Amino acid sequence: MNYIYLRDHKKYPDAKVNPSLLWEYDLANFDYQLMKNIVVQRVIERGWPEDWNAILNMYSEDGVKKIIKDIPYLNDKDMNFVSNVFHIPLSEMKCYERKQSRQGHWNS
């Protein structure tokens, strides 16, 4: 990882994901392992450093990388950000593959 505030995640073992990122779910019964793709996607799209620390502590750096590769949709900015930060080639990301396979209306 080359983002300085993400390298220090182990210094914040009590970091929690902001509940507002998962506003539509009942967090009293929420399974963070089962819903890990949603949690990581929300943190990528809208998270603050504490949210990043929480997912890196919860899923590990390698776990977050695997989850990122499996997320079906990210916008271009977020896709390129995580590709750069976690050194994941775009071609290994499901969201990039899906984007490439969709034919644009004006490009046909």
Protein backbone atom coordinates (compact mmCIF):
# COMPACT_ATOMS: atom_id res chain seq x y z
CA MET A 1 0.00 0.00 0.00
CA ASN A 2 1.31 3.39 -0.82
CA TYR A 3 -1.21 5.61 0.96
CA ILE A 4 0.28 6.76 4.24
CA TYR A 5 -2.88 6.77 6.32
CA LEU A 6 -3.73 3.23 5.25
CA ARG A 7 -0.35 1.87 6.32
CA ASP A 8 -1.09 2.72 9.96
CA HIS A 9 -4.32 0.76 10.29
CA LYS A 10 -2.90 -1.55 12.99
CA LYS A 11 -2.51 1.47 15.27
CA TYR A 12 -6.32 1.73 15.32
CA PRO A 13 -7.60 -1.72 16.35
CA ASP A 14 -10.88 -0.23 17.65
CA ALA A 15 -11.77 1.51 14.37
CA LYS A 16 -15.35 0.88 13.28
CA VAL A 17 -17.12 1.30 9.96
CA ASN A 18 -19.40 4.32 10.12
CA PRO A 19 -22.99 3.00 10.37
CA SER A 20 -24.20 5.66 7.95
CA LEU A 21 -22.35 3.83 5.15
CA LEU A 22 -24.70 0.90 5.68
CA TRP A 23 -27.82 2.93 6.35
CA GLU A 24 -30.29 0.53 4.74
CA TYR A 25 -29.25 -2.51 6.77
CA ASP A 26 -30.23 -3.56 10.28
CA LEU A 27 -26.78 -3.45 11.88
CA ALA A 28 -27.96 -5.30 14.98
CA ASN A 29 -28.19 -8.42 12.78
CA PHE A 30 -25.60 -7.50 10.16
CA ASP A 31 -23.01 -10.14 9.22
CA TYR A 32 -19.82 -8.28 8.26
CA GLN A 33 -18.24 -11.46 6.88
CA LEU A 34 -21.18 -12.42 4.71
CA MET A 35 -21.61 -8.85 3.44
CA LYS A 36 -17.91 -8.01 3.07
CA ASN A 37 -18.22 -7.00 -0.61
CA ILE A 38 -20.87 -4.41 0.27
CA VAL A 39 -18.87 -3.11 3.24
CA VAL A 40 -15.65 -2.69 1.24
CA GLN A 41 -17.47 -1.14 -1.73
CA ARG A 42 -19.16 1.43 0.53
CA VAL A 43 -15.87 2.32 2.19
CA ILE A 44 -14.19 2.73 -1.21
CA GLU A 45 -17.02 4.95 -2.44
CA ARG A 46 -17.69 7.04 0.67
CA GLY A 47 -15.40 6.08 3.52
CA TRP A 48 -13.14 8.15 5.75
CA PRO A 49 -9.73 7.01 7.08
CA GLU A 50 -11.35 5.39 10.15
CA ASP A 51 -13.55 3.30 7.85
CA TRP A 52 -10.48 2.19 5.87
CA ASN A 53 -8.70 1.28 9.11
CA ALA A 54 -11.73 -0.76 10.17
CA ILE A 55 -11.93 -2.83 6.97
CA LEU A 56 -8.17 -3.39 6.86
CA ASN A 57 -8.25 -4.63 10.45
CA MET A 58 -11.40 -6.67 9.87
CA TYR A 59 -10.44 -8.35 6.56
CA SER A 60 -6.61 -7.83 6.35
CA GLU A 61 -4.83 -6.16 3.45
CA ASP A 62 -4.82 -9.35 1.37
CA GLY A 63 -8.48 -9.94 2.18
CA VAL A 64 -9.41 -6.41 1.07
CA LYS A 65 -7.47 -6.94 -2.17
CA LYS A 66 -9.43 -10.14 -2.88
CA ILE A 67 -12.70 -8.40 -2.11
CA ILE A 68 -11.82 -5.46 -4.37
CA LYS A 69 -11.12 -7.85 -7.24
CA ASP A 70 -14.61 -9.32 -6.79
CA ILE A 71 -16.66 -6.09 -6.54
CA PRO A 72 -18.96 -5.94 -9.59
CA TYR A 73 -19.15 -2.14 -9.92
CA LEU A 74 -16.96 0.84 -9.07
CA ASN A 75 -16.87 4.16 -10.88
CA ASP A 76 -13.71 5.01 -12.83
CA LYS A 77 -12.22 7.23 -10.11
CA ASP A 78 -12.68 4.66 -7.33
CA MET A 79 -11.54 1.79 -9.57
CA ASN A 80 -8.30 3.59 -10.45
CA PHE A 81 -7.75 4.68 -6.84
CA VAL A 82 -7.88 1.14 -5.40
CA SER A 83 -5.90 -0.21 -8.34
CA ASN A 84 -3.12 2.26 -7.54
CA VAL A 85 -3.22 1.99 -3.74
CA PHE A 86 -3.35 -1.81 -3.59
CA HIS A 87 -1.26 -2.45 -6.74
CA ILE A 88 -4.04 -4.42 -8.40
CA PRO A 89 -3.95 -4.46 -12.21
CA LEU A 90 -7.26 -3.22 -13.60
CA SER A 91 -7.53 -6.38 -15.69
CA GLU A 92 -7.83 -8.42 -12.46
CA MET A 93 -10.84 -6.45 -11.24
CA LYS A 94 -14.34 -7.72 -12.00
CA CYS A 95 -15.67 -4.14 -12.22
CA TYR A 96 -13.13 -3.32 -14.94
CA GLU A 97 -13.88 -6.51 -16.87
CA ARG A 98 -17.61 -5.77 -16.75
CA LYS A 99 -17.04 -2.20 -17.90
CA GLN A 100 -14.97 -3.40 -20.85
CA SER A 101 -17.59 -5.95 -21.88
CA ARG A 102 -20.42 -3.40 -22.00
CA GLN A 103 -20.85 -1.78 -25.38
CA GLY A 104 -21.49 1.94 -25.15
CA HIS A 105 -24.50 3.33 -27.03
CA TRP A 106 -22.49 5.94 -28.93
CA ASN A 107 -19.54 3.62 -29.56
CA SER A 108 -21.48 1.06 -31.57
